[in-house]
């Protein structure tokens, strides 16, 4: 484990490597767009469900400038590569959520030091539906 993991909290893995202990995150909902299939002859709007959208996943982790996993994530933002992302909860019936995604953004110093820890913020666009296990 790196110095970015301080306790037994939720951990985010990117491409199989831990990114550090998660401080907070926002998960996308299971949005499904509607497709208009109506015509001018219809008396009401007709729609059909489209394909579900993967959504955007933003999270904050303990940041360490010397952590190679976090440096690699920053490089992936520039290259646009897709990797496996895992959210690993410390306990519960469902303790892992796995999907593929593309790194969109990395802000290494999104919050100042609190108790000697710097917080970094990362954003991933899911390119597959998350699977719980």
Protein backbone atom coordinates (compact mmCIF):
# COMPACT_ATOMS: atom_id res chain seq x y z
CA UNK A 1 0.00 0.00 0.00
CA UNK A 2 1.13 3.55 -0.64
CA UNK A 3 1.21 6.42 1.81
CA UNK A 4 -2.09 7.58 0.28
CA UNK A 5 -3.91 4.85 2.24
CA UNK A 6 -4.27 5.88 5.87
CA UNK A 7 -6.98 3.50 7.17
CA UNK A 8 -9.39 0.82 5.98
CA UNK A 9 -11.78 3.03 3.98
CA UNK A 10 -13.08 2.79 0.41
CA UNK A 11 -10.27 2.42 -2.17
CA UNK A 12 -10.39 3.33 -5.87
CA UNK A 13 -8.36 1.09 -8.22
CA UNK A 14 -7.44 2.36 -11.70
CA UNK A 15 -6.04 -0.22 -14.10
CA UNK A 16 -5.46 -2.60 -11.19
CA UNK A 17 -3.47 -0.12 -9.06
CA UNK A 18 -4.85 1.56 -5.94
CA UNK A 19 -5.25 5.32 -6.36
CA UNK A 20 -5.39 5.94 -2.64
CA UNK A 21 -8.06 6.03 -0.01
CA UNK A 22 -11.24 7.65 -1.20
CA UNK A 23 -12.29 10.78 0.70
CA UNK A 24 -15.58 11.30 -1.19
CA UNK A 25 -17.16 10.43 -4.53
CA UNK A 26 -20.25 11.03 -6.62
CA UNK A 27 -21.65 8.13 -8.63
CA UNK A 28 -23.75 8.59 -11.74
CA UNK A 29 -27.32 7.34 -11.82
CA UNK A 30 -28.57 4.82 -14.35
CA UNK A 31 -29.81 7.40 -16.86
CA UNK A 32 -31.51 6.09 -19.97
CA UNK A 33 -32.30 8.65 -22.67
CA UNK A 34 -35.61 8.64 -24.51
CA UNK A 35 -35.68 8.51 -28.30
CA UNK A 36 -38.54 10.29 -30.04
CA UNK A 37 -40.19 7.82 -32.45
CA UNK A 38 -43.37 9.79 -33.06
CA UNK A 39 -44.66 11.43 -36.19
CA UNK A 40 -46.72 14.54 -36.86
CA UNK A 41 -49.81 12.30 -37.21
CA UNK A 42 -49.54 11.08 -33.58
CA UNK A 43 -51.82 12.67 -30.98
CA UNK A 44 -49.25 12.12 -28.18
CA UNK A 45 -45.46 12.02 -28.15
CA UNK A 46 -44.17 8.47 -28.61
CA UNK A 47 -40.77 7.51 -27.26
CA UNK A 48 -38.59 4.46 -26.90
CA UNK A 49 -35.94 3.87 -24.27
CA UNK A 50 -32.38 4.33 -25.54
CA UNK A 51 -29.22 2.67 -24.31
CA UNK A 52 -28.16 3.43 -20.72
CA UNK A 53 -25.49 6.07 -20.31
CA UNK A 54 -22.37 5.21 -18.30
CA UNK A 55 -22.09 8.60 -16.63
CA UNK A 56 -19.26 10.48 -15.01
CA UNK A 57 -17.64 9.38 -11.74
CA UNK A 58 -15.79 12.01 -9.69
CA UNK A 59 -13.83 11.16 -6.56
CA UNK A 60 -11.36 12.68 -4.12
CA UNK A 61 -8.43 10.73 -2.71
CA UNK A 62 -5.45 11.33 -0.47
CA UNK A 63 -2.87 12.79 -2.85
CA UNK A 64 0.85 12.06 -2.80
CA UNK A 65 3.07 13.65 -5.51
CA UNK A 66 5.40 10.61 -5.34
CA UNK A 67 2.62 8.03 -5.92
CA UNK A 68 3.20 6.38 -9.32
CA UNK A 69 -0.44 5.23 -9.65
CA UNK A 70 -1.61 8.83 -9.42
CA UNK A 71 1.08 9.97 -11.89
CA UNK A 72 -0.03 7.25 -14.29
CA UNK A 73 -3.66 8.43 -13.97
CA UNK A 74 -2.55 11.94 -14.91
CA UNK A 75 -0.79 10.55 -18.01
CA UNK A 76 -3.97 8.62 -18.89
CA UNK A 77 -5.96 11.87 -18.88
CA UNK A 78 -3.70 13.17 -21.66
CA UNK A 79 -3.68 9.91 -23.66
CA UNK A 80 -7.41 9.10 -23.43
CA UNK A 81 -6.76 5.40 -22.71
CA UNK A 82 -9.54 3.25 -21.23
CA UNK A 83 -8.84 1.13 -18.16
CA UNK A 84 -10.70 -0.90 -15.57
CA UNK A 85 -11.89 1.08 -12.55
CA UNK A 86 -12.91 -0.56 -9.28
CA UNK A 87 -14.52 0.92 -6.21
CA UNK A 88 -13.69 -1.36 -3.29
CA UNK A 89 -15.78 -0.84 -0.15
CA UNK A 90 -14.35 -2.03 3.17
CA UNK A 91 -17.48 -4.07 4.06
CA UNK A 92 -21.01 -4.94 3.01
CA UNK A 93 -22.83 -7.46 0.83
CA UNK A 94 -21.76 -5.65 -2.34
CA UNK A 95 -18.16 -4.62 -1.77
CA UNK A 96 -16.82 -4.04 -5.30
CA UNK A 97 -18.13 -2.07 -8.28
CA UNK A 98 -16.21 -2.65 -11.52
CA UNK A 99 -16.45 -0.86 -14.89
CA UNK A 100 -14.24 0.40 -17.69
CA UNK A 101 -13.65 4.09 -18.09
CA UNK A 102 -11.61 6.89 -19.56
CA UNK A 103 -9.73 9.34 -17.32
CA UNK A 104 -11.13 12.84 -17.93
CA UNK A 105 -9.62 15.11 -15.32
CA UNK A 106 -7.03 15.20 -12.55
CA UNK A 107 -6.64 18.06 -10.05
CA UNK A 108 -3.74 17.08 -7.77
CA UNK A 109 -4.27 19.82 -5.18
CA UNK A 110 -8.02 20.33 -5.08
CA UNK A 111 -8.00 20.98 -1.32
CA UNK A 112 -5.32 22.23 1.04
CA UNK A 113 -3.59 20.07 3.61
CA UNK A 114 -5.88 18.88 6.39
CA UNK A 115 -4.14 16.95 9.17
CA UNK A 116 -1.07 16.61 6.95
CA UNK A 117 -3.03 15.15 3.98
CA UNK A 118 -3.46 16.77 0.57
CA UNK A 119 -6.67 15.93 -1.32
CA UNK A 120 -6.65 15.29 -5.09
CA UNK A 121 -9.75 15.11 -7.32
CA UNK A 122 -10.13 12.74 -10.29
CA UNK A 123 -12.90 12.28 -12.86
CA UNK A 124 -13.63 9.17 -14.94
CA UNK A 125 -16.19 8.74 -17.75
CA UNK A 126 -17.65 5.23 -17.51
CA UNK A 127 -17.58 3.48 -20.90
CA UNK A 128 -19.33 0.34 -19.65
CA UNK A 129 -22.12 -0.26 -17.18
CA UNK A 130 -20.81 -0.77 -13.62
CA UNK A 131 -21.11 -4.33 -12.29
CA UNK A 132 -21.58 -5.01 -8.59
CA UNK A 133 -20.01 -8.03 -6.90
